[in-house]
N, C-alpha and C. Protein backbone atom coordinates (compact mmCIF):
# COMPACT_ATOMS: atom_id res chain seq x y z
N MET A 1 106.16 71.94 85.14
CA MET A 1 105.34 70.76 84.95
C MET A 1 106.02 69.37 84.12
N ALA A 2 105.70 68.19 84.29
CA ALA A 2 106.63 67.08 83.57
C ALA A 2 106.31 67.29 82.27
N ILE A 3 104.95 67.80 81.58
CA ILE A 3 104.84 67.73 80.21
C ILE A 3 105.67 68.79 79.75
N GLU A 4 105.86 69.77 80.23
CA GLU A 4 106.66 70.87 79.66
C GLU A 4 107.97 70.51 79.88
N LYS A 5 108.65 69.90 80.56
CA LYS A 5 110.03 69.49 80.89
C LYS A 5 109.99 68.48 79.86
N PHE A 6 109.38 67.55 79.64
CA PHE A 6 109.36 66.26 78.66
C PHE A 6 109.39 66.94 77.20
N ASN A 7 108.77 67.92 76.80
CA ASN A 7 108.81 68.46 75.58
C ASN A 7 110.03 69.10 75.14
N ASN A 8 110.81 69.46 76.29
CA ASN A 8 112.14 69.89 75.84
C ASN A 8 113.02 69.12 75.82
N LEU A 9 112.95 67.67 75.96
CA LEU A 9 114.08 66.54 75.71
C LEU A 9 113.95 66.45 74.11
N SER A 10 115.24 65.97 73.82
CA SER A 10 115.44 65.65 72.30
C SER A 10 114.57 64.39 71.99
N PRO A 11 114.51 64.16 70.53
CA PRO A 11 113.51 63.13 70.09
C PRO A 11 114.22 61.63 70.64
N LEU A 12 115.65 61.63 70.95
CA LEU A 12 116.25 60.28 71.28
C LEU A 12 115.87 60.29 72.89
N GLU A 13 115.99 61.29 73.50
CA GLU A 13 115.58 61.23 74.92
C GLU A 13 114.24 60.89 75.33
N LYS A 14 113.32 61.29 74.43
CA LYS A 14 111.87 61.19 74.60
C LYS A 14 111.70 59.55 74.27
N ASP A 15 112.41 59.12 73.37
CA ASP A 15 112.41 57.54 73.23
C ASP A 15 112.86 56.83 74.40
N ARG A 16 113.97 57.25 74.78
CA ARG A 16 114.46 56.34 76.08
C ARG A 16 113.60 56.57 77.04
N PHE A 17 113.00 57.72 77.38
CA PHE A 17 112.18 58.00 78.39
C PHE A 17 110.98 56.86 78.41
N GLY A 18 110.54 56.88 77.20
CA GLY A 18 109.54 55.78 76.86
C GLY A 18 109.78 54.44 77.38
N VAL A 19 111.20 54.14 76.73
CA VAL A 19 111.55 52.75 77.21
C VAL A 19 111.56 52.51 78.78
N ILE A 20 112.23 53.56 79.32
CA ILE A 20 112.30 53.37 80.77
C ILE A 20 111.02 53.26 81.66
N VAL A 21 110.13 54.07 81.08
CA VAL A 21 108.70 53.87 81.63
C VAL A 21 108.03 52.40 81.48
N ASN A 22 108.28 51.94 80.43
CA ASN A 22 107.74 50.56 80.22
C ASN A 22 108.33 49.66 80.98
N THR A 23 109.71 49.87 81.09
CA THR A 23 110.61 48.78 81.91
C THR A 23 109.98 48.95 83.34
N LEU A 24 109.70 50.22 83.84
CA LEU A 24 109.48 50.22 85.19
C LEU A 24 107.94 49.64 85.51
N LEU A 25 106.91 49.98 84.50
CA LEU A 25 105.48 49.34 84.59
C LEU A 25 105.70 47.82 84.63
N ASN A 26 106.57 47.19 83.79
CA ASN A 26 106.52 45.75 83.44
C ASN A 26 107.26 45.08 84.61
N LYS A 27 108.62 45.76 85.28
CA LYS A 27 109.37 45.09 86.17
C LYS A 27 109.52 45.80 87.49
N SER A 28 108.87 46.98 87.65
CA SER A 28 108.76 47.63 88.88
C SER A 28 110.28 48.16 89.42
N PHE A 29 111.50 47.56 88.91
CA PHE A 29 112.68 47.91 89.25
C PHE A 29 113.60 48.60 88.20
N ILE A 30 114.50 49.51 88.54
CA ILE A 30 115.78 49.56 87.75
C ILE A 30 116.94 49.92 88.53
N LEU A 31 117.91 48.93 88.36
CA LEU A 31 119.23 49.13 89.28
C LEU A 31 120.38 49.88 88.39
N ALA A 32 121.33 50.22 89.29
CA ALA A 32 122.38 50.98 88.89
C ALA A 32 123.35 50.03 88.00
N GLN A 33 123.39 48.79 88.28
CA GLN A 33 124.09 47.90 87.27
C GLN A 33 123.20 46.81 86.86
N PHE A 34 123.68 45.88 86.10
CA PHE A 34 122.99 44.74 85.46
C PHE A 34 123.90 43.64 85.38
N TYR A 35 123.39 42.55 85.17
CA TYR A 35 124.35 41.26 85.24
C TYR A 35 123.68 40.43 83.97
N ASP A 36 124.66 40.01 83.15
CA ASP A 36 124.27 38.84 82.26
C ASP A 36 125.28 37.91 81.83
N GLN A 37 124.99 37.03 80.91
CA GLN A 37 125.81 35.84 80.91
C GLN A 37 127.19 36.41 79.80
N LYS A 38 127.17 37.52 79.22
CA LYS A 38 127.91 37.92 78.40
C LYS A 38 129.32 38.54 79.00
N ASN A 39 128.82 39.11 80.30
CA ASN A 39 129.88 39.64 81.12
C ASN A 39 129.47 39.49 82.66
N ARG A 40 130.20 38.51 83.45
CA ARG A 40 129.71 38.31 84.75
C ARG A 40 130.15 39.53 85.68
N ILE A 41 131.05 40.29 85.22
CA ILE A 41 131.11 41.42 85.86
C ILE A 41 130.14 42.53 85.81
N PRO A 42 129.64 43.02 86.91
CA PRO A 42 128.35 44.08 87.00
C PRO A 42 128.70 45.19 85.80
N ARG A 43 127.95 45.71 85.18
CA ARG A 43 127.98 46.87 84.29
C ARG A 43 127.10 48.04 84.57
N PRO A 44 127.74 49.25 84.41
CA PRO A 44 126.84 50.29 84.47
C PRO A 44 125.44 50.20 83.84
N ASN A 45 124.35 50.73 84.41
CA ASN A 45 122.96 50.51 83.75
C ASN A 45 122.77 52.07 83.25
N GLY A 46 122.93 52.20 81.97
CA GLY A 46 122.83 53.72 81.50
C GLY A 46 121.40 54.07 81.61
N ASP A 47 120.19 53.06 81.79
CA ASP A 47 118.98 53.67 82.04
C ASP A 47 118.81 54.19 83.31
N TYR A 48 119.46 53.71 84.20
CA TYR A 48 119.56 54.12 85.68
C TYR A 48 120.00 55.62 85.63
N THR A 49 120.97 55.79 84.99
CA THR A 49 121.70 57.18 84.94
C THR A 49 120.84 57.97 84.47
N PHE A 50 120.07 57.78 83.27
CA PHE A 50 119.13 58.68 82.75
C PHE A 50 118.08 58.84 83.54
N LEU A 51 117.51 57.82 84.27
CA LEU A 51 116.54 58.02 85.22
C LEU A 51 116.62 59.06 86.38
N LEU A 52 117.87 58.79 86.88
CA LEU A 52 118.43 60.00 87.87
C LEU A 52 118.19 61.25 87.37
N ARG A 53 118.89 61.41 86.05
CA ARG A 53 119.31 62.54 85.50
C ARG A 53 117.92 63.42 85.44
N TYR A 54 116.69 62.67 85.14
CA TYR A 54 115.40 63.24 84.80
C TYR A 54 114.41 62.68 85.79
N TYR A 55 114.81 62.49 87.00
CA TYR A 55 114.06 61.90 87.92
C TYR A 55 112.93 62.87 88.37
N ASP A 56 112.86 64.12 88.30
CA ASP A 56 111.71 64.92 88.46
C ASP A 56 110.70 64.78 87.48
N ILE A 57 110.91 64.79 86.36
CA ILE A 57 110.25 64.49 85.10
C ILE A 57 109.41 63.07 85.47
N PHE A 58 110.31 61.98 85.50
CA PHE A 58 109.65 60.84 85.87
C PHE A 58 108.82 60.82 86.95
N THR A 59 109.32 61.31 88.14
CA THR A 59 108.18 61.33 89.33
C THR A 59 106.76 61.91 89.07
N GLU A 60 106.99 63.13 88.27
CA GLU A 60 105.65 63.87 88.07
C GLU A 60 104.86 62.96 87.10
N TYR A 61 105.27 62.52 86.27
CA TYR A 61 104.89 61.72 85.07
C TYR A 61 103.79 60.62 85.63
N PHE A 62 104.63 59.75 86.57
CA PHE A 62 103.98 58.70 87.19
C PHE A 62 102.81 58.99 88.08
N ALA A 63 103.20 60.29 89.00
CA ALA A 63 102.30 60.93 89.86
C ALA A 63 100.86 60.92 89.27
N MET A 64 100.85 61.47 88.17
CA MET A 64 99.43 61.74 87.29
C MET A 64 98.80 60.53 87.05
N ALA A 65 99.39 59.26 87.13
CA ALA A 65 98.71 58.09 86.95
C ALA A 65 98.76 57.24 88.27
N LYS A 66 98.98 58.22 89.38
CA LYS A 66 98.95 57.64 90.88
C LYS A 66 100.05 56.48 91.30
N TYR A 67 101.09 56.50 90.34
CA TYR A 67 102.06 55.64 90.69
C TYR A 67 103.55 56.51 91.46
N SER A 68 103.99 55.94 92.28
CA SER A 68 105.33 56.56 93.17
C SER A 68 106.55 56.10 92.69
N LEU A 69 107.57 56.90 92.49
CA LEU A 69 108.73 56.37 92.52
C LEU A 69 109.61 56.44 93.86
N THR A 70 110.40 55.52 94.05
CA THR A 70 111.21 55.66 95.18
C THR A 70 112.50 55.01 95.09
N ARG A 71 113.39 56.37 95.61
CA ARG A 71 114.81 56.00 95.15
C ARG A 71 115.82 55.48 96.35
N ASP A 72 116.43 54.49 96.29
CA ASP A 72 117.04 54.00 97.55
C ASP A 72 118.82 54.21 96.92
N ASP A 73 119.26 55.20 97.42
CA ASP A 73 120.64 55.36 97.03
C ASP A 73 121.70 54.45 97.71
N ASN A 74 121.39 53.91 98.86
CA ASN A 74 122.04 52.95 99.45
C ASN A 74 122.08 51.54 98.59
N LYS A 75 121.01 50.96 98.05
CA LYS A 75 121.14 49.85 97.20
C LYS A 75 121.28 50.23 95.94
N ASN A 76 121.12 51.52 95.31
CA ASN A 76 121.24 52.06 93.85
C ASN A 76 119.95 51.24 93.20
N ILE A 77 119.04 51.60 93.72
CA ILE A 77 117.83 50.93 93.04
C ILE A 77 116.62 52.12 93.14
N VAL A 78 115.68 52.26 91.81
CA VAL A 78 114.69 52.88 91.81
C VAL A 78 113.58 51.89 91.61
N SER A 79 112.58 51.99 92.48
CA SER A 79 111.31 51.13 92.42
C SER A 79 110.13 51.99 91.90
N LEU A 80 109.12 51.41 91.52
CA LEU A 80 107.83 51.87 91.10
C LEU A 80 106.69 51.21 91.68
N SER A 81 105.93 52.03 92.60
CA SER A 81 104.57 51.50 93.03
C SER A 81 103.31 52.14 92.90
N ASN A 82 102.28 51.28 92.85
CA ASN A 82 100.83 52.22 92.51
C ASN A 82 100.19 52.10 93.91
N GLU A 83 99.81 53.37 94.08
CA GLU A 83 98.81 53.77 95.30
C GLU A 83 97.78 52.69 95.53
N GLU A 84 97.34 52.19 94.26
CA GLU A 84 96.09 51.28 94.55
C GLU A 84 96.39 49.89 94.37
N GLY A 85 97.88 49.56 94.24
CA GLY A 85 98.17 48.17 94.11
C GLY A 85 98.13 47.56 92.95
N LYS A 86 98.18 48.37 91.73
CA LYS A 86 97.51 47.79 90.34
C LYS A 86 98.85 47.19 89.91
N ASN A 87 100.10 47.33 90.38
CA ASN A 87 101.18 46.94 89.57
C ASN A 87 101.57 45.64 90.52
N HIS A 88 100.99 45.40 91.27
CA HIS A 88 101.23 44.22 92.18
C HIS A 88 101.19 42.71 91.69
N ILE A 89 102.18 41.79 91.72
CA ILE A 89 101.82 40.53 90.87
C ILE A 89 101.51 39.59 91.93
N GLN A 90 100.40 38.84 91.35
CA GLN A 90 100.17 37.66 92.42
C GLN A 90 100.90 36.62 92.03
N ILE A 91 101.40 35.90 93.03
CA ILE A 91 102.29 34.50 92.99
C ILE A 91 101.65 33.52 93.63
N ASN A 92 101.81 32.19 93.10
CA ASN A 92 101.19 31.14 93.64
C ASN A 92 102.10 30.56 94.92
N LYS A 93 101.73 29.39 95.40
CA LYS A 93 102.04 28.96 96.60
C LYS A 93 103.65 28.48 96.43
N ILE A 94 103.94 27.91 95.33
CA ILE A 94 105.29 27.50 95.26
C ILE A 94 106.31 28.73 94.90
N GLN A 95 105.77 29.41 94.38
CA GLN A 95 106.54 30.63 94.05
C GLN A 95 106.77 31.57 95.13
N THR A 96 105.89 31.60 96.11
CA THR A 96 106.02 32.00 97.37
C THR A 96 106.95 31.65 98.21
N LYS A 97 107.14 30.24 98.21
CA LYS A 97 107.97 29.40 98.70
C LYS A 97 109.50 29.65 98.18
N PHE A 98 109.68 29.70 97.01
CA PHE A 98 110.91 30.15 96.21
C PHE A 98 111.31 31.73 96.85
N LEU A 99 110.23 32.55 96.71
CA LEU A 99 110.69 33.69 97.14
C LEU A 99 111.31 33.92 98.62
N VAL A 100 110.55 33.28 99.47
CA VAL A 100 111.08 33.23 100.94
C VAL A 100 112.40 32.50 101.00
N GLY A 101 112.64 31.55 100.35
CA GLY A 101 113.93 30.92 100.40
C GLY A 101 114.83 31.49 99.99
N ILE A 102 114.67 32.56 98.64
CA ILE A 102 115.60 33.33 98.15
C ILE A 102 116.14 34.17 99.12
N LYS A 103 114.97 34.93 99.74
CA LYS A 103 115.27 35.94 101.11
C LYS A 103 116.03 35.55 101.99
N ARG A 104 115.73 34.42 102.53
CA ARG A 104 116.43 33.97 103.63
C ARG A 104 117.74 33.58 103.34
N PHE A 105 118.05 32.93 102.01
CA PHE A 105 119.36 32.75 101.60
C PHE A 105 120.16 34.04 101.31
N TYR A 106 119.79 35.26 100.99
CA TYR A 106 120.42 36.41 100.65
C TYR A 106 120.60 36.97 102.07
N ASP A 107 119.60 37.01 103.00
CA ASP A 107 119.97 37.60 104.50
C ASP A 107 121.07 36.72 105.10
N SER A 108 121.03 35.55 105.06
CA SER A 108 122.05 34.79 105.61
C SER A 108 123.72 34.98 104.87
N SER A 109 123.56 35.21 103.86
CA SER A 109 124.69 35.21 102.87
C SER A 109 125.28 36.79 103.33
N LYS A 110 124.24 37.61 103.45
CA LYS A 110 124.69 39.03 103.73
C LYS A 110 125.47 39.27 105.19
N GLU A 111 124.97 38.22 106.11
CA GLU A 111 125.61 38.35 107.25
C GLU A 111 127.22 38.14 107.35
N THR A 112 127.64 37.60 106.33
CA THR A 112 129.15 37.44 106.07
C THR A 112 129.88 38.13 105.10
N ASN A 113 128.84 38.97 104.42
CA ASN A 113 129.38 39.78 103.31
C ASN A 113 128.70 41.07 103.28
N ALA A 114 128.58 41.66 104.26
CA ALA A 114 127.39 42.79 104.46
C ALA A 114 127.96 44.08 103.43
N LYS A 115 129.12 43.99 102.97
CA LYS A 115 129.48 45.04 102.00
C LYS A 115 129.03 45.09 100.73
N SER A 116 128.54 43.94 100.41
CA SER A 116 127.98 43.75 98.99
C SER A 116 126.32 43.66 98.87
N ASN A 117 125.71 44.39 98.00
CA ASN A 117 124.33 44.52 97.97
C ASN A 117 123.84 43.34 97.11
N VAL A 118 124.61 42.36 96.45
CA VAL A 118 124.24 41.05 95.87
C VAL A 118 124.97 39.91 96.35
N VAL A 119 124.37 38.86 96.10
CA VAL A 119 124.87 37.63 96.59
C VAL A 119 124.89 36.77 95.31
N TYR A 120 126.07 36.06 95.41
CA TYR A 120 126.40 35.02 94.28
C TYR A 120 126.27 33.74 94.70
N THR A 121 125.53 32.79 94.02
CA THR A 121 125.50 31.28 94.36
C THR A 121 124.99 30.46 93.15
N THR A 122 125.19 29.38 93.41
CA THR A 122 124.55 28.32 92.36
C THR A 122 123.12 27.93 92.73
N ILE A 123 122.38 27.52 91.70
CA ILE A 123 120.96 26.83 92.02
C ILE A 123 121.09 25.94 93.05
N HIS A 124 122.11 25.02 93.04
CA HIS A 124 122.04 23.89 93.85
C HIS A 124 122.29 24.32 95.32
N ALA A 125 123.14 25.17 95.49
CA ALA A 125 123.44 25.80 96.95
C ALA A 125 122.18 26.54 97.54
N LEU A 126 121.28 27.22 96.49
CA LEU A 126 120.10 27.75 96.93
C LEU A 126 119.07 26.82 97.33
N ILE A 127 118.90 25.62 96.67
CA ILE A 127 118.14 24.63 96.70
C ILE A 127 118.26 23.91 98.03
N GLN A 128 119.59 23.58 98.26
CA GLN A 128 119.80 22.81 99.46
C GLN A 128 119.60 23.59 100.66
N SER A 129 119.80 24.95 100.75
CA SER A 129 119.35 25.88 101.78
C SER A 129 117.93 25.76 102.28
N MET A 130 117.02 25.72 100.90
CA MET A 130 115.69 25.60 101.19
C MET A 130 115.29 24.45 101.98
N LEU A 131 115.97 23.25 101.54
CA LEU A 131 115.67 21.97 102.08
C LEU A 131 115.70 21.82 103.43
N VAL A 132 116.47 22.79 104.08
CA VAL A 132 116.63 22.78 105.61
C VAL A 132 115.51 23.18 106.16
N ALA A 133 114.60 23.99 105.70
CA ALA A 133 113.37 24.42 106.05
C ALA A 133 112.17 23.65 105.75
N PRO A 134 111.61 22.53 106.39
CA PRO A 134 110.85 21.92 105.85
C PRO A 134 109.45 22.39 105.35
N ALA A 135 109.35 23.58 106.05
CA ALA A 135 107.95 24.34 105.72
C ALA A 135 108.04 24.87 104.09
N LEU A 136 109.21 25.09 103.75
CA LEU A 136 109.49 25.40 102.23
C LEU A 136 109.28 24.11 101.50
N PHE A 137 110.25 23.26 101.62
CA PHE A 137 109.95 22.16 100.71
C PHE A 137 110.44 20.82 101.56
N PRO A 138 109.58 20.13 101.84
CA PRO A 138 109.76 18.75 102.63
C PRO A 138 110.52 17.87 101.80
N LYS A 139 110.50 17.93 100.61
CA LYS A 139 111.34 17.03 99.21
C LYS A 139 111.90 17.96 98.38
N LYS A 140 112.79 17.68 97.88
CA LYS A 140 113.52 18.59 96.71
C LYS A 140 112.63 18.84 95.59
N PRO A 141 112.22 20.08 95.23
CA PRO A 141 111.38 20.38 94.05
C PRO A 141 111.85 19.70 92.70
N THR A 142 111.03 19.75 91.74
CA THR A 142 111.44 19.03 90.54
C THR A 142 112.35 19.99 89.77
N GLN A 143 112.88 19.72 88.65
CA GLN A 143 113.60 20.54 87.89
C GLN A 143 112.71 21.64 87.10
N GLU A 144 111.62 21.05 86.88
CA GLU A 144 110.64 22.10 86.13
C GLU A 144 110.24 23.19 87.07
N GLU A 145 109.88 22.72 88.37
CA GLU A 145 109.43 23.79 89.37
C GLU A 145 110.42 24.73 89.66
N ILE A 146 111.70 24.28 89.57
CA ILE A 146 112.85 25.11 89.97
C ILE A 146 113.02 26.01 88.81
N GLY A 147 113.15 25.44 87.59
CA GLY A 147 113.37 26.36 86.21
C GLY A 147 112.10 27.49 86.07
N LYS A 148 111.13 26.92 86.34
CA LYS A 148 109.96 27.91 86.18
C LYS A 148 109.82 29.15 87.23
N ALA A 149 110.09 28.66 88.26
CA ALA A 149 110.10 29.68 89.58
C ALA A 149 111.19 30.62 89.40
N LEU A 150 112.20 30.16 89.02
CA LEU A 150 113.53 31.11 89.04
C LEU A 150 113.52 31.94 87.66
N SER A 151 113.12 31.57 86.65
CA SER A 151 112.69 32.19 85.47
C SER A 151 111.80 33.46 85.76
N PHE A 152 110.60 33.00 86.53
CA PHE A 152 109.74 34.10 86.71
C PHE A 152 110.41 35.15 87.71
N PHE A 153 111.12 35.01 88.56
CA PHE A 153 111.73 35.81 89.31
C PHE A 153 112.71 36.67 88.52
N ALA A 154 113.57 36.03 87.71
CA ALA A 154 114.46 36.87 86.88
C ALA A 154 113.82 37.73 86.04
N GLN A 155 112.81 37.45 85.67
CA GLN A 155 111.89 38.52 84.71
C GLN A 155 111.49 39.71 85.56
N ARG A 156 111.48 39.49 86.78
CA ARG A 156 110.86 40.44 87.76
C ARG A 156 112.06 41.39 88.26
N THR A 157 113.29 41.04 87.85
CA THR A 157 114.59 41.72 88.40
C THR A 157 114.81 41.45 89.85
N ILE A 158 114.54 39.94 90.27
CA ILE A 158 114.96 39.49 91.64
C ILE A 158 116.26 38.75 91.53
N ILE A 159 116.42 38.23 90.56
CA ILE A 159 117.63 37.38 90.41
C ILE A 159 118.30 37.54 88.95
N ALA A 160 119.36 37.08 88.56
CA ALA A 160 120.07 37.08 87.28
C ALA A 160 120.85 35.91 87.09
N LYS A 161 120.84 35.27 86.03
CA LYS A 161 121.57 33.80 85.86
C LYS A 161 122.79 34.59 85.13
N LEU A 162 124.07 34.00 85.38
CA LEU A 162 125.45 34.28 84.85
C LEU A 162 126.02 33.16 83.87
N ASP A 163 125.34 32.10 83.92
CA ASP A 163 125.69 31.05 83.00
C ASP A 163 124.73 30.00 82.72
N LYS A 164 124.52 29.40 81.67
CA LYS A 164 123.79 28.23 81.46
C LYS A 164 122.23 28.54 81.48
N ASN A 165 121.27 27.73 82.38
CA ASN A 165 120.14 28.17 82.35
C ASN A 165 119.40 27.70 83.57
N PHE A 166 118.27 27.99 83.95
CA PHE A 166 117.66 27.94 85.59
C PHE A 166 117.25 26.44 85.55
N TYR A 167 117.39 25.63 84.49
CA TYR A 167 117.08 24.25 84.52
C TYR A 167 118.10 23.43 85.15
N ASP A 168 119.34 23.93 85.06
CA ASP A 168 120.69 23.20 85.48
C ASP A 168 120.99 23.75 86.79
N LEU A 169 121.15 22.72 87.78
CA LEU A 169 121.41 23.07 89.17
C LEU A 169 123.03 23.70 89.45
N SER A 170 123.94 23.52 88.39
CA SER A 170 125.11 24.15 88.61
C SER A 170 125.24 25.39 88.16
N THR A 171 124.05 26.04 87.52
CA THR A 171 123.94 27.51 87.18
C THR A 171 124.30 28.24 88.29
N THR A 172 125.48 29.40 87.92
CA THR A 172 125.53 30.63 88.81
C THR A 172 124.38 31.59 88.59
N ILE A 173 123.73 31.95 89.76
CA ILE A 173 122.98 33.24 89.72
C ILE A 173 123.38 34.18 90.76
N VAL A 174 122.91 35.41 90.51
CA VAL A 174 123.22 36.60 91.41
C VAL A 174 121.93 37.04 92.08
N ILE A 175 121.79 37.04 93.50
CA ILE A 175 120.41 37.58 93.82
C ILE A 175 120.48 39.00 94.10
N LEU A 176 119.60 39.72 93.60
CA LEU A 176 119.75 41.19 93.59
C LEU A 176 119.10 41.93 94.89
N PRO A 177 119.56 43.09 95.16
CA PRO A 177 119.01 43.69 96.28
C PRO A 177 117.51 44.12 96.46
N THR A 178 116.93 44.06 95.14
CA THR A 178 115.42 44.29 94.95
C THR A 178 114.66 43.20 96.09
N ILE A 179 115.23 42.18 96.39
CA ILE A 179 114.71 41.24 97.21
C ILE A 179 114.21 41.90 98.68
N ASP A 180 115.13 42.63 98.85
CA ASP A 180 114.95 43.29 100.29
C ASP A 180 113.77 44.14 100.21
N ILE A 181 113.55 44.95 98.88
CA ILE A 181 112.39 45.71 98.92
C ILE A 181 111.03 45.01 98.92
N LEU A 182 111.23 43.78 98.15
CA LEU A 182 110.06 43.02 98.19
C LEU A 182 109.41 42.55 99.59
N LEU A 183 110.53 41.98 100.40
CA LEU A 183 110.30 41.31 101.59
C LEU A 183 111.13 41.83 102.68
N SER A 184 110.57 42.16 103.82
CA SER A 184 111.04 42.51 105.02
C SER A 184 111.57 41.32 105.93
N PRO A 185 112.33 41.32 106.87
CA PRO A 185 112.44 39.98 107.85
C PRO A 185 111.26 39.62 108.43
N GLU A 186 110.48 40.85 108.78
CA GLU A 186 109.46 40.54 109.46
C GLU A 186 108.13 39.84 108.74
N ARG A 187 108.05 40.25 107.16
CA ARG A 187 107.10 39.63 106.35
C ARG A 187 107.63 38.22 105.87
N VAL A 188 108.79 37.79 106.06
CA VAL A 188 109.29 36.59 105.98
C VAL A 188 109.14 35.59 106.76
N GLU A 189 108.83 36.18 108.26
CA GLU A 189 108.72 35.36 109.27
C GLU A 189 107.14 35.09 109.20
N GLU A 190 106.21 35.98 108.65
CA GLU A 190 104.97 35.94 108.72
C GLU A 190 104.53 34.71 107.70
N LEU A 191 105.10 34.85 106.47
CA LEU A 191 104.91 34.07 105.37
C LEU A 191 105.33 32.74 105.73
N LEU A 192 106.48 32.39 106.51
CA LEU A 192 107.07 31.15 107.04
C LEU A 192 106.03 30.61 108.09
N ASN A 193 105.53 31.31 108.72
CA ASN A 193 104.54 30.65 109.81
C ASN A 193 103.16 30.32 109.11
N VAL A 194 102.93 31.00 107.94
CA VAL A 194 101.69 30.50 107.21
C VAL A 194 102.23 29.25 106.57
N LEU A 195 103.16 29.03 105.89
CA LEU A 195 103.58 27.76 105.18
C LEU A 195 103.71 26.72 106.25
N ILE A 196 104.20 26.90 107.43
CA ILE A 196 104.14 25.87 108.48
C ILE A 196 102.93 25.23 109.02
N GLU A 197 101.95 26.32 109.00
CA GLU A 197 100.54 26.02 109.33
C GLU A 197 100.07 25.14 108.20
N ASN A 198 100.10 25.41 107.11
CA ASN A 198 99.64 24.73 106.02
C ASN A 198 100.21 23.30 105.89
N THR A 199 101.73 23.16 106.05
CA THR A 199 102.36 22.11 106.01
C THR A 199 101.72 21.13 107.04
N GLU A 200 101.58 21.56 108.38
CA GLU A 200 101.00 20.91 109.38
C GLU A 200 99.56 20.38 108.98
N GLY A 201 98.67 21.17 108.47
CA GLY A 201 97.24 20.87 108.12
C GLY A 201 97.34 19.85 107.08
N GLU A 202 98.36 20.06 106.07
CA GLU A 202 98.32 18.86 105.16
C GLU A 202 98.79 17.45 105.41
N LYS A 203 99.56 17.61 106.72
CA LYS A 203 99.75 16.36 107.33
C LYS A 203 98.90 15.73 107.98
N GLN A 204 97.80 16.51 108.70
CA GLN A 204 96.73 16.11 109.47
C GLN A 204 95.71 15.56 108.51
N ASP A 205 95.74 16.16 107.25
CA ASP A 205 94.52 15.57 106.28
C ASP A 205 95.08 14.32 105.45
N ALA A 206 96.27 14.00 105.62
CA ALA A 206 96.83 12.88 105.19
C ALA A 206 96.44 11.50 105.75
């Protein structure tokens, strides 16, 4: 049982176990590598290694609360989901537009570099790609809209910034493979069609 196995951990291991549980509950994902401004080269994530070492304990622990862990060894991600959808985050219309735009940019970039699980770009290049699809942004979003949306997705481990800040268009960011777990190509098309319908409806009401 998970409780018995947990009791056999050292005090330090129990503390780390708790930290990882909270990370998964708050962000839903833990990746094998992490990116930050201090070191633009991806670094191994010790929490991911610890999670895999005691994966059976984590799995049983979360199962008691009706949560499921999923391990993707190709993308090196462990994700957490709730059977009743309680850890799903509601996003607004503009966040949906950004999420679809990020996914489309990620998929397009992966076509030319299939070996990498991540995509590096600048915020400027990302926004320019979104402007090509009028259903996403008929006009360029404001700096505040850009900064808030990208900060939101960074907190959810979808992207990470490698310099400056999310309000600066020259900032370099990395799009993480967690975007693939959030949105399938089919789901992207569904959302895009909804956005197109909404855009056409807004034109008719104007």
